[in-house]
C-alpha atoms as a PDB file:
ATOM      1  CA  UNK A   1     129.909  37.237 190.963  1.00  0.00           C
ATOM      2  CA  UNK A   2     126.322  37.727 189.699  1.00  0.00           C
ATOM      3  CA  UNK A   3     123.628  35.088 189.491  1.00  0.00           C
ATOM      4  CA  UNK A   4     120.226  35.659 187.962  1.00  0.00           C
ATOM      5  CA  UNK A   5     117.906  32.800 188.940  1.00  0.00           C
ATOM      6  CA  UNK A   6     114.732  32.348 186.874  1.00  0.00           C
ATOM      7  CA  UNK A   7     114.180  36.093 186.632  1.00  0.00           C
ATOM      8  CA  UNK A   8     111.287  37.459 184.644  1.00  0.00           C
ATOM      9  CA  UNK A   9     110.060  41.027 184.145  1.00  0.00           C
ATOM     10  CA  UNK A  10     106.608  42.136 183.116  1.00  0.00           C
ATOM     11  CA  UNK A  11     105.306  45.653 182.517  1.00  0.00           C
ATOM     12  CA  UNK A  12     101.503  45.940 182.740  1.00  0.00           C
ATOM     13  CA  UNK A  13     101.232  42.156 182.456  1.00  0.00           C
ATOM     14  CA  UNK A  14     103.344  42.041 179.270  1.00  0.00           C
ATOM     15  CA  UNK A  15     106.604  40.029 179.510  1.00  0.00           C
ATOM     16  CA  UNK A  16     109.621  42.185 178.631  1.00  0.00           C
ATOM     17  CA  UNK A  17     112.137  39.631 179.887  1.00  0.00           C
ATOM     18  CA  UNK A  18     111.046  36.001 179.660  1.00  0.00           C
ATOM     19  CA  UNK A  19     112.220  33.621 182.431  1.00  0.00           C
ATOM     20  CA  UNK A  20     116.016  33.277 182.244  1.00  0.00           C
ATOM     21  CA  UNK A  21     118.979  32.316 184.395  1.00  0.00           C
ATOM     22  CA  UNK A  22     122.496  33.644 183.925  1.00  0.00           C
ATOM     23  CA  UNK A  23     125.784  33.371 185.820  1.00  0.00           C
ATOM     24  CA  UNK A  24     128.427  36.097 185.412  1.00  0.00           C
ATOM     25  CA  UNK A  25     131.925  35.221 186.635  1.00  0.00           C
ATOM     26  CA  UNK A  26     134.164  37.429 188.756  1.00  0.00           C
ATOM     27  CA  UNK A  27     136.424  39.634 186.610  1.00  0.00           C
ATOM     28  CA  UNK A  28     134.503  38.794 183.444  1.00  0.00           C
ATOM     29  CA  UNK A  29     133.623  41.236 180.657  1.00  0.00           C
ATOM     30  CA  UNK A  30     130.115  40.094 179.723  1.00  0.00           C
ATOM     31  CA  UNK A  31     128.065  41.868 177.061  1.00  0.00           C
ATOM     32  CA  UNK A  32     124.295  41.814 176.636  1.00  0.00           C
ATOM     33  CA  UNK A  33     123.823  42.271 172.899  1.00  0.00           C
ATOM     34  CA  UNK A  34     120.642  42.692 170.930  1.00  0.00           C
ATOM     35  CA  UNK A  35     118.400  45.101 169.029  1.00  0.00           C
ATOM     36  CA  UNK A  36     116.450  47.911 170.718  1.00  0.00           C
ATOM     37  CA  UNK A  37     113.620  46.666 172.914  1.00  0.00           C
ATOM     38  CA  UNK A  38     115.021  43.158 173.419  1.00  0.00           C
ATOM     39  CA  UNK A  39     115.216  43.464 177.226  1.00  0.00           C
ATOM     40  CA  UNK A  40     118.963  43.958 177.708  1.00  0.00           C
ATOM     41  CA  UNK A  41     118.722  47.313 179.508  1.00  0.00           C
ATOM     42  CA  UNK A  42     115.899  45.967 181.695  1.00  0.00           C
ATOM     43  CA  UNK A  43     118.203  43.131 182.824  1.00  0.00           C
ATOM     44  CA  UNK A  44     120.942  45.657 183.629  1.00  0.00           C
ATOM     45  CA  UNK A  45     118.490  47.795 185.613  1.00  0.00           C
ATOM     46  CA  UNK A  46     117.338  44.725 187.576  1.00  0.00           C
ATOM     47  CA  UNK A  47     120.958  43.897 188.465  1.00  0.00           C
ATOM     48  CA  UNK A  48     121.447  47.538 189.533  1.00  0.00           C
ATOM     49  CA  UNK A  49     118.263  47.554 191.631  1.00  0.00           C
ATOM     50  CA  UNK A  50     116.381  50.213 189.623  1.00  0.00           C
ATOM     51  CA  UNK A  51     113.836  47.594 188.540  1.00  0.00           C
ATOM     52  CA  UNK A  52     112.446  44.714 190.581  1.00  0.00           C
ATOM     53  CA  UNK A  53     112.074  41.342 188.831  1.00  0.00           C
ATOM     54  CA  UNK A  54     108.433  40.236 188.646  1.00  0.00           C
ATOM     55  CA  UNK A  55     109.656  36.725 189.454  1.00  0.00           C
ATOM     56  CA  UNK A  56     113.084  35.314 190.367  1.00  0.00           C
ATOM     57  CA  UNK A  57     116.123  36.230 192.448  1.00  0.00           C
ATOM     58  CA  UNK A  58     119.394  38.127 191.975  1.00  0.00           C
ATOM     59  CA  UNK A  59     122.564  37.212 193.854  1.00  0.00           C
ATOM     60  CA  UNK A  60     125.681  39.381 194.077  1.00  0.00           C
ATOM     61  CA  UNK A  61     128.769  37.529 195.311  1.00  0.00           C
ATOM     62  CA  UNK A  62     126.560  34.855 196.904  1.00  0.00           C
ATOM     63  CA  UNK A  63     124.294  37.348 198.688  1.00  0.00           C
ATOM     64  CA  UNK A  64     120.613  37.671 197.751  1.00  0.00           C
ATOM     65  CA  UNK A  65     120.175  41.349 196.738  1.00  0.00           C
ATOM     66  CA  UNK A  66     116.759  41.039 195.048  1.00  0.00           C
ATOM     67  CA  UNK A  67     115.085  43.325 197.605  1.00  0.00           C
ATOM     68  CA  UNK A  68     118.056  45.650 198.248  1.00  0.00           C
ATOM     69  CA  UNK A  69     117.960  49.265 196.970  1.00  0.00           C
ATOM     70  CA  UNK A  70     120.651  50.353 194.449  1.00  0.00           C
ATOM     71  CA  UNK A  71     122.819  52.174 197.029  1.00  0.00           C
ATOM     72  CA  UNK A  72     123.150  48.982 199.086  1.00  0.00           C
ATOM     73  CA  UNK A  73     124.562  46.964 196.173  1.00  0.00           C
ATOM     74  CA  UNK A  74     128.318  46.958 195.558  1.00  0.00           C
ATOM     75  CA  UNK A  75     128.107  48.137 191.967  1.00  0.00           C
ATOM     76  CA  UNK A  76     128.062  51.259 189.811  1.00  0.00           C
ATOM     77  CA  UNK A  77     126.181  52.135 186.646  1.00  0.00           C
ATOM     78  CA  UNK A  78     127.509  54.201 183.702  1.00  0.00           C
ATOM     79  CA  UNK A  79     124.918  55.493 181.206  1.00  0.00           C
ATOM     80  CA  UNK A  80     125.131  56.759 177.645  1.00  0.00           C
ATOM     81  CA  UNK A  81     124.320  60.236 179.022  1.00  0.00           C
ATOM     82  CA  UNK A  82     127.146  61.247 181.279  1.00  0.00           C
ATOM     83  CA  UNK A  83     125.083  62.979 184.030  1.00  0.00           C
ATOM     84  CA  UNK A  84     128.028  65.086 185.225  1.00  0.00           C
ATOM     85  CA  UNK A  85     127.506  68.049 187.555  1.00  0.00           C
ATOM     86  CA  UNK A  86     128.101  71.125 185.337  1.00  0.00           C
ATOM     87  CA  UNK A  87     129.258  73.365 188.210  1.00  0.00           C
ATOM     88  CA  UNK A  88     131.942  70.890 189.381  1.00  0.00           C
ATOM     89  CA  UNK A  89     135.408  70.244 187.948  1.00  0.00           C
ATOM     90  CA  UNK A  90     136.496  66.792 186.763  1.00  0.00           C
ATOM     91  CA  UNK A  91     138.082  66.155 190.177  1.00  0.00           C
ATOM     92  CA  UNK A  92     134.996  67.313 192.066  1.00  0.00           C
ATOM     93  CA  UNK A  93     132.700  65.174 189.931  1.00  0.00           C
ATOM     94  CA  UNK A  94     134.819  62.117 190.706  1.00  0.00           C
ATOM     95  CA  UNK A  95     134.958  63.058 194.396  1.00  0.00           C
ATOM     96  CA  UNK A  96     131.205  63.471 194.810  1.00  0.00           C
ATOM     97  CA  UNK A  97     130.335  59.794 195.352  1.00  0.00           C
ATOM     98  CA  UNK A  98     133.264  59.329 197.726  1.00  0.00           C
ATOM     99  CA  UNK A  99     132.063  62.270 199.848  1.00  0.00           C
ATOM    100  CA  UNK A 100     128.567  60.768 199.972  1.00  0.00           C
ATOM    101  CA  UNK A 101     130.090  57.514 201.241  1.00  0.00           C
ATOM    102  CA  UNK A 102     132.050  59.481 203.881  1.00  0.00           C
ATOM    103  CA  UNK A 103     135.401  58.063 202.710  1.00  0.00           C
ATOM    104  CA  UNK A 104     138.301  59.670 204.673  1.00  0.00           C
ATOM    105  CA  UNK A 105     139.803  62.704 202.896  1.00  0.00           C
ATOM    106  CA  UNK A 106     143.272  61.154 202.393  1.00  0.00           C
ATOM    107  CA  UNK A 107     141.762  58.053 200.777  1.00  0.00           C
ATOM    108  CA  UNK A 108     139.486  60.227 198.622  1.00  0.00           C
ATOM    109  CA  UNK A 109     142.569  61.987 197.268  1.00  0.00           C
ATOM    110  CA  UNK A 110     144.292  58.684 196.472  1.00  0.00           C
ATOM    111  CA  UNK A 111     141.251  57.207 194.748  1.00  0.00           C
ATOM    112  CA  UNK A 112     140.647  60.352 192.670  1.00  0.00           C
ATOM    113  CA  UNK A 113     144.294  60.431 191.544  1.00  0.00           C
ATOM    114  CA  UNK A 114     144.190  56.745 190.577  1.00  0.00           C
ATOM    115  CA  UNK A 115     140.884  57.048 188.685  1.00  0.00           C
ATOM    116  CA  UNK A 116     142.168  60.128 186.800  1.00  0.00           C
ATOM    117  CA  UNK A 117     145.404  58.344 185.889  1.00  0.00           C
ATOM    118  CA  UNK A 118     143.626  55.165 184.720  1.00  0.00           C
ATOM    119  CA  UNK A 119     141.219  57.117 182.502  1.00  0.00           C
ATOM    120  CA  UNK A 120     143.958  59.417 181.145  1.00  0.00           C
ATOM    121  CA  UNK A 121     142.336  62.605 182.441  1.00  0.00           C
ATOM    122  CA  UNK A 122     145.371  64.075 184.268  1.00  0.00           C
ATOM    123  CA  UNK A 123     145.679  67.254 182.135  1.00  0.00           C
ATOM    124  CA  UNK A 124     141.915  67.875 182.397  1.00  0.00           C
ATOM    125  CA  UNK A 125     141.449  67.481 186.177  1.00  0.00           C
ATOM    126  CA  UNK A 126     140.630  71.174 186.805  1.00  0.00           C
ATOM    127  CA  UNK A 127     138.278  71.622 183.850  1.00  0.00           C
ATOM    128  CA  UNK A 128     134.495  71.805 183.920  1.00  0.00           C
ATOM    129  CA  UNK A 129     132.235  69.504 181.837  1.00  0.00           C
ATOM    130  CA  UNK A 130     131.433  72.235 179.265  1.00  0.00           C
ATOM    131  CA  UNK A 131     135.174  72.472 178.529  1.00  0.00           C
ATOM    132  CA  UNK A 132     135.376  68.751 177.632  1.00  0.00           C
ATOM    133  CA  UNK A 133     134.548  66.781 174.498  1.00  0.00           C
ATOM    134  CA  UNK A 134     131.936  64.009 174.582  1.00  0.00           C
ATOM    135  CA  UNK A 135     134.603  61.331 174.858  1.00  0.00           C
ATOM    136  CA  UNK A 136     136.338  63.150 177.717  1.00  0.00           C
ATOM    137  CA  UNK A 137     133.027  63.568 179.571  1.00  0.00           C
ATOM    138  CA  UNK A 138     132.350  59.850 179.231  1.00  0.00           C
ATOM    139  CA  UNK A 139     135.815  59.153 180.647  1.00  0.00           C
ATOM    140  CA  UNK A 140     134.930  61.290 183.673  1.00  0.00           C
ATOM    141  CA  UNK A 141     131.717  59.282 184.172  1.00  0.00           C
ATOM    142  CA  UNK A 142     133.766  56.066 184.081  1.00  0.00           C
ATOM    143  CA  UNK A 143     136.435  57.520 186.421  1.00  0.00           C
ATOM    144  CA  UNK A 144     133.699  58.531 188.878  1.00  0.00           C
ATOM    145  CA  UNK A 145     132.340  54.963 188.821  1.00  0.00           C
ATOM    146  CA  UNK A 146     135.691  53.178 189.297  1.00  0.00           C
ATOM    147  CA  UNK A 147     136.753  55.558 192.100  1.00  0.00           C
ATOM    148  CA  UNK A 148     134.025  53.880 194.181  1.00  0.00           C
ATOM    149  CA  UNK A 149     135.886  50.569 193.704  1.00  0.00           C
ATOM    150  CA  UNK A 150     132.699  48.625 192.932  1.00  0.00           C
ATOM    151  CA  UNK A 151     132.785  44.832 192.577  1.00  0.00           C
ATOM    152  CA  UNK A 152     130.721  45.220 189.420  1.00  0.00           C
ATOM    153  CA  UNK A 153     130.520  47.988 186.826  1.00  0.00           C
ATOM    154  CA  UNK A 154     127.335  48.104 184.720  1.00  0.00           C
ATOM    155  CA  UNK A 155     127.603  50.025 181.451  1.00  0.00           C
ATOM    156  CA  UNK A 156     124.502  50.879 179.417  1.00  0.00           C
ATOM    157  CA  UNK A 157     125.467  51.851 175.840  1.00  0.00           C
ATOM    158  CA  UNK A 158     128.217  54.088 177.291  1.00  0.00           C
ATOM    159  CA  UNK A 159     129.757  54.917 173.905  1.00  0.00           C
ATOM    160  CA  UNK A 160     126.486  55.233 171.973  1.00  0.00           C
ATOM    161  CA  UNK A 161     126.583  59.021 171.631  1.00  0.00           C
ATOM    162  CA  UNK A 162     130.153  59.208 170.320  1.00  0.00           C
ATOM    163  CA  UNK A 163     131.384  59.326 166.735  1.00  0.00           C
ATOM    164  CA  UNK A 164     132.911  56.218 165.174  1.00  0.00           C
ATOM    165  CA  UNK A 165     136.627  56.938 165.559  1.00  0.00           C
ATOM    166  CA  UNK A 166     136.262  58.040 169.162  1.00  0.00           C
ATOM    167  CA  UNK A 167     134.167  54.946 169.933  1.00  0.00           C
ATOM    168  CA  UNK A 168     136.912  52.710 168.530  1.00  0.00           C
ATOM    169  CA  UNK A 169     139.559  54.401 170.711  1.00  0.00           C
ATOM    170  CA  UNK A 170     137.424  54.218 173.848  1.00  0.00           C
ATOM    171  CA  UNK A 171     136.497  50.562 173.205  1.00  0.00           C
ATOM    172  CA  UNK A 172     140.178  49.635 173.336  1.00  0.00           C
ATOM    173  CA  UNK A 173     140.747  51.824 176.421  1.00  0.00           C
ATOM    174  CA  UNK A 174     137.762  50.333 178.277  1.00  0.00           C
ATOM    175  CA  UNK A 175     138.907  46.792 177.582  1.00  0.00           C
ATOM    176  CA  UNK A 176     142.409  47.612 178.882  1.00  0.00           C
ATOM    177  CA  UNK A 177     140.928  49.333 181.926  1.00  0.00           C
ATOM    178  CA  UNK A 178     138.753  46.322 182.736  1.00  0.00           C
ATOM    179  CA  UNK A 179     141.744  43.994 182.456  1.00  0.00           C
ATOM    180  CA  UNK A 180     143.928  46.123 184.703  1.00  0.00           C
ATOM    181  CA  UNK A 181     141.217  46.638 187.351  1.00  0.00           C
ATOM    182  CA  UNK A 182     139.869  43.081 187.322  1.00  0.00           C
ATOM    183  CA  UNK A 183     136.341  44.437 187.960  1.00  0.00           C
ATOM    184  CA  UNK A 184     133.376  42.477 186.567  1.00  0.00           C
ATOM    185  CA  UNK A 185     131.940  44.481 183.650  1.00  0.00           C
ATOM    186  CA  UNK A 186     128.377  43.937 182.425  1.00  0.00           C
ATOM    187  CA  UNK A 187     128.024  45.902 179.198  1.00  0.00           C
ATOM    188  CA  UNK A 188     124.919  46.620 177.121  1.00  0.00           C
ATOM    189  CA  UNK A 189     125.157  47.413 173.416  1.00  0.00           C
ATOM    190  CA  UNK A 190     123.360  46.854 170.106  1.00  0.00           C
ATOM    191  CA  UNK A 191     126.681  47.183 168.234  1.00  0.00           C
ATOM    192  CA  UNK A 192     127.844  43.700 167.194  1.00  0.00           C
ATOM    193  CA  UNK A 193     131.397  44.775 166.375  1.00  0.00           C
ATOM    194  CA  UNK A 194     131.760  46.456 169.773  1.00  0.00           C
ATOM    195  CA  UNK A 195     130.552  43.287 171.518  1.00  0.00           C
ATOM    196  CA  UNK A 196     132.922  41.072 169.506  1.00  0.00           C
ATOM    197  CA  UNK A 197     135.930  43.288 170.180  1.00  0.00           C
ATOM    198  CA  UNK A 198     135.488  43.809 173.919  1.00  0.00           C
ATOM    199  CA  UNK A 199     133.773  40.816 175.491  1.00  0.00           C
ATOM    200  CA  UNK A 200     134.918  37.626 177.166  1.00  0.00           C
ATOM    201  CA  UNK A 201     131.389  36.303 176.642  1.00  0.00           C
ATOM    202  CA  UNK A 202     128.351  37.617 174.782  1.00  0.00           C
ATOM    203  CA  UNK A 203     124.685  37.034 175.608  1.00  0.00           C
ATOM    204  CA  UNK A 204     122.645  37.515 172.417  1.00  0.00           C
ATOM    205  CA  UNK A 205     119.108  38.630 173.240  1.00  0.00           C
ATOM    206  CA  UNK A 206     116.003  38.855 171.099  1.00  0.00           C
ATOM    207  CA  UNK A 207     112.441  39.745 172.205  1.00  0.00           C
ATOM    208  CA  UNK A 208     113.250  39.240 175.886  1.00  0.00           C
ATOM    209  CA  UNK A 209     114.817  35.813 175.439  1.00  0.00           C
ATOM    210  CA  UNK A 210     118.421  34.568 175.320  1.00  0.00           C
ATOM    211  CA  UNK A 211     119.277  33.265 171.848  1.00  0.00           C
ATOM    212  CA  UNK A 212     122.841  32.182 172.612  1.00  0.00           C
ATOM    213  CA  UNK A 213     125.636  32.630 175.157  1.00  0.00           C
ATOM    214  CA  UNK A 214     129.277  32.119 174.194  1.00  0.00           C
ATOM    215  CA  UNK A 215     132.668  33.622 173.511  1.00  0.00           C
ATOM    216  CA  UNK A 216     132.917  35.907 170.462  1.00  0.00           C
ATOM    217  CA  UNK A 217     134.679  33.072 168.596  1.00  0.00           C
ATOM    218  CA  UNK A 218     131.999  30.497 169.464  1.00  0.00           C
ATOM    219  CA  UNK A 219     129.186  32.839 168.483  1.00  0.00           C
ATOM    220  CA  UNK A 220     130.827  33.787 165.195  1.00  0.00           C
ATOM    221  CA  UNK A 221     131.840  30.265 164.179  1.00  0.00           C
ATOM    222  CA  UNK A 222     128.918  28.302 165.632  1.00  0.00           C
ATOM    223  CA  UNK A 223     125.717  30.371 165.812  1.00  0.00           C
ATOM    224  CA  UNK A 224     122.887  28.228 167.194  1.00  0.00           C
ATOM    225  CA  UNK A 225     119.856  30.036 165.777  1.00  0.00           C
ATOM    226  CA  UNK A 226     118.929  31.921 162.623  1.00  0.00           C
ATOM    227  CA  UNK A 227     118.815  35.165 164.634  1.00  0.00           C
ATOM    228  CA  UNK A 228     122.320  34.612 166.090  1.00  0.00           C
ATOM    229  CA  UNK A 229     123.667  33.685 162.644  1.00  0.00           C
ATOM    230  CA  UNK A 230     122.375  36.847 160.987  1.00  0.00           C
ATOM    231  CA  UNK A 231     122.793  39.326 163.855  1.00  0.00           C
ATOM    232  CA  UNK A 232     126.552  38.856 164.402  1.00  0.00           C
ATOM    233  CA  UNK A 233     128.590  39.625 161.307  1.00  0.00           C
ATOM    234  CA  UNK A 234     127.522  38.952 157.754  1.00  0.00           C
ATOM    235  CA  UNK A 235     126.231  35.480 156.930  1.00  0.00           C
ATOM    236  CA  UNK A 236     124.751  33.567 154.011  1.00  0.00           C
ATOM    237  CA  UNK A 237     121.726  31.407 154.793  1.00  0.00           C
ATOM    238  CA  UNK A 238     120.914  28.448 152.531  1.00  0.00           C
ATOM    239  CA  UNK A 239     117.731  26.367 152.488  1.00  0.00           C
ATOM    240  CA  UNK A 240     117.696  22.734 151.379  1.00  0.00           C
ATOM    241  CA  UNK A 241     114.660  20.991 149.892  1.00  0.00           C
ATOM    242  CA  UNK A 242     114.366  18.790 153.004  1.00  0.00           C
ATOM    243  CA  UNK A 243     113.782  21.952 155.090  1.00  0.00           C
ATOM    244  CA  UNK A 244     117.296  22.012 156.554  1.00  0.00           C
ATOM    245  CA  UNK A 245     118.702  25.511 156.973  1.00  0.00           C
ATOM    246  CA  UNK A 246     122.402  26.255 157.297  1.00  0.00           C
ATOM    247  CA  UNK A 247     124.715  29.261 157.228  1.00  0.00           C
ATOM    248  CA  UNK A 248     128.109  29.778 155.592  1.00  0.00           C
ATOM    249  CA  UNK A 249     130.196  32.888 156.304  1.00  0.00           C
ATOM    250  CA  UNK A 250     131.177  35.008 153.240  1.00  0.00           C
ATOM    251  CA  UNK A 251     134.894  34.265 153.678  1.00  0.00           C
ATOM    252  CA  UNK A 252     134.168  30.508 153.483  1.00  0.00           C
ATOM    253  CA  UNK A 253     132.505  30.703 150.039  1.00  0.00           C
ATOM    254  CA  UNK A 254     134.651  30.055 146.975  1.00  0.00           C
ATOM    255  CA  UNK A 255     133.692  31.610 143.616  1.00  0.00           C
ATOM    256  CA  UNK A 256     134.381  29.439 140.556  1.00  0.00           C
ATOM    257  CA  UNK A 257     134.723  31.271 137.241  1.00  0.00           C
ATOM    258  CA  UNK A 258     134.733  28.041 135.198  1.00  0.00           C
ATOM    259  CA  UNK A 259     131.711  26.118 136.404  1.00  0.00           C
ATOM    260  CA  UNK A 260     132.016  23.142 134.062  1.00  0.00           C
ATOM    261  CA  UNK A 261     132.688  20.711 136.944  1.00  0.00           C
ATOM    262  CA  UNK A 262     129.415  21.569 138.719  1.00  0.00           C
ATOM    263  CA  UNK A 263     129.340  23.663 141.883  1.00  0.00           C
ATOM    264  CA  UNK A 264     127.031  23.496 144.904  1.00  0.00           C
ATOM    265  CA  UNK A 265     125.242  26.645 143.687  1.00  0.00           C
ATOM    266  CA  UNK A 266     125.386  28.899 140.650  1.00  0.00           C
ATOM    267  CA  UNK A 267     124.518  32.542 140.193  1.00  0.00           C
ATOM    268  CA  UNK A 268     125.207  35.880 138.525  1.00  0.00           C
ATOM    269  CA  UNK A 269     127.490  38.588 139.953  1.00  0.00           C
ATOM    270  CA  UNK A 270     125.302  41.583 140.801  1.00  0.00           C
ATOM    271  CA  UNK A 271     127.901  43.818 142.399  1.00  0.00           C
ATOM    272  CA  UNK A 272     131.606  44.024 143.243  1.00  0.00           C
ATOM    273  CA  UNK A 273     132.497  46.021 146.373  1.00  0.00           C
ATOM    274  CA  UNK A 274     136.085  47.077 147.150  1.00  0.00           C
ATOM    275  CA  UNK A 275     136.861  47.532 150.847  1.00  0.00           C
ATOM    276  CA  UNK A 276     140.650  47.917 150.777  1.00  0.00           C
ATOM    277  CA  UNK A 277     142.102  44.743 152.242  1.00  0.00           C
ATOM    278  CA  UNK A 278     139.126  42.655 151.059  1.00  0.00           C
ATOM    279  CA  UNK A 279     136.680  42.847 148.235  1.00  0.00           C
ATOM    280  CA  UNK A 280     133.290  41.318 148.004  1.00  0.00           C
ATOM    281  CA  UNK A 281     131.173  39.727 145.299  1.00  0.00           C
ATOM    282  CA  UNK A 282     127.390  39.975 145.654  1.00  0.00           C
ATOM    283  CA  UNK A 283     125.910  37.056 143.724  1.00  0.00           C
ATOM    284  CA  UNK A 284     122.234  36.455 142.943  1.00  0.00           C
ATOM    285  CA  UNK A 285     121.611  32.710 143.099  1.00  0.00           C
ATOM    286  CA  UNK A 286     119.996  30.871 140.211  1.00  0.00           C
ATOM    287  CA  UNK A 287     116.640  29.212 141.091  1.00  0.00           C
ATOM    288  CA  UNK A 288     116.483  31.011 144.501  1.00  0.00           C
ATOM    289  CA  UNK A 289     115.141  34.459 145.350  1.00  0.00           C
ATOM    290  CA  UNK A 290     118.216  35.424 147.325  1.00  0.00           C
ATOM    291  CA  UNK A 291     121.729  36.839 147.032  1.00  0.00           C
ATOM    292  CA  UNK A 292     124.910  35.783 148.806  1.00  0.00           C
ATOM    293  CA  UNK A 293     128.116  37.641 149.662  1.00  0.00           C
ATOM    294  CA  UNK A 294     131.553  36.207 148.961  1.00  0.00           C
ATOM    295  CA  UNK A 295     134.587  37.820 150.628  1.00  0.00           C
ATOM    296  CA  UNK A 296     137.875  37.672 148.720  1.00  0.00           C
ATOM    297  CA  UNK A 297     141.134  38.857 150.233  1.00  0.00           C
ATOM    298  CA  UNK A 298     143.791  41.043 148.590  1.00  0.00           C
ATOM    299  CA  UNK A 299     145.579  37.984 147.098  1.00  0.00           C
ATOM    300  CA  UNK A 300     142.665  37.364 144.688  1.00  0.00           C
ATOM    301  CA  UNK A 301     143.762  38.393 141.201  1.00  0.00           C
ATOM    302  CA  UNK A 302     140.758  37.191 139.159  1.00  0.00           C
ATOM    303  CA  UNK A 303     138.990  39.742 136.979  1.00  0.00           C
ATOM    304  CA  UNK A 304     135.377  39.371 138.035  1.00  0.00           C
ATOM    305  CA  UNK A 305     132.686  41.152 136.019  1.00  0.00           C
ATOM    306  CA  UNK A 306     129.183  42.296 136.940  1.00  0.00           C
ATOM    307  CA  UNK A 307     126.755  40.040 135.037  1.00  0.00           C
ATOM    308  CA  UNK A 308     129.232  37.125 134.984  1.00  0.00           C
ATOM    309  CA  UNK A 309     127.777  33.639 135.588  1.00  0.00           C
ATOM    310  CA  UNK A 310     129.789  31.781 138.247  1.00  0.00           C
ATOM    311  CA  UNK A 311     129.697  28.716 140.460  1.00  0.00           C
ATOM    312  CA  UNK A 312     129.849  28.855 144.259  1.00  0.00           C
ATOM    313  CA  UNK A 313     131.504  26.196 146.418  1.00  0.00           C
ATOM    314  CA  UNK A 314     132.368  25.674 150.072  1.00  0.00           C
ATOM    315  CA  UNK A 315     133.609  22.884 152.278  1.00  0.00           C
ATOM    316  CA  UNK A 316     130.986  20.835 154.156  1.00  0.00           C
ATOM    317  CA  UNK A 317     132.845  21.688 157.392  1.00  0.00           C
ATOM    318  CA  UNK A 318     131.981  25.390 156.998  1.00  0.00           C
ATOM    319  CA  UNK A 319     128.216  24.702 157.075  1.00  0.00           C
ATOM    320  CA  UNK A 320     126.554  25.585 160.392  1.00  0.00           C
ATOM    321  CA  UNK A 321     123.079  24.129 160.932  1.00  0.00           C
ATOM    322  CA  UNK A 322     120.623  26.739 162.189  1.00  0.00           C
ATOM    323  CA  UNK A 323     117.305  25.083 161.386  1.00  0.00           C
ATOM    324  CA  UNK A 324     115.568  21.713 161.511  1.00  0.00           C
END
């Protein structure tokens, strides 16, 4: 559906997006994930047509759109800030883009009704933006975008301004909406959990470069770089004397209270954190200036103590190489 071919973006001669190519499939939920300033929003804006690539080409459904203005591309953009018209009702806000496109009145009505139903706004259709919560306003912005029936929906941190519980609810709703519509979603976020929960594939970005592309499972289980290993979920990084660096997830580490048989590492428990269904040991390693986290599930009955000396083991299969 979208092809970025060797695109690069510079501002005042400084590269913000280093040369990269990326193919996004039709009907895919693809997330650009990375810290602030890594270039993910710039990529989204280039796809939308608000920024021109310094070098490279952008194709939408096989058609070269690199030079086309935003209104000539079959896509819609949803921002973190809802940009609703305050003097218009929910229905009128959704209708606005359809009027601009001169869609026949009967079809406008149908599309508005469908968008309102899909975003669960039916009881709020006659309200004005100031009468809506933040989450409801964001739903209106999404309804307005999908009423246009774009081939691609671009979403730039759309849930960033919402509180945690509301974000969680809307994440699930957005994923369901994308599945039922079959529209290609390109989603920008710096929230790793959000990316893992919603995406078919994730593009991890760092300083304008792609670190890794893969499914949430691939990225979690097989990170390819130190950045990918430490940015998604919690991870423990170990260094060997030969310079090799590898990561082992906290749930793959096994604490050993009786270390007489010799473990791969030893250390002292610094902290014990209870998180309901799991609890976590934070262990400072002997002979290394670092601590590791060990996740234990609710079946663990051992009585661990802060200050206790323990061994740490893991299976060789759970090591993921991330360095030379």
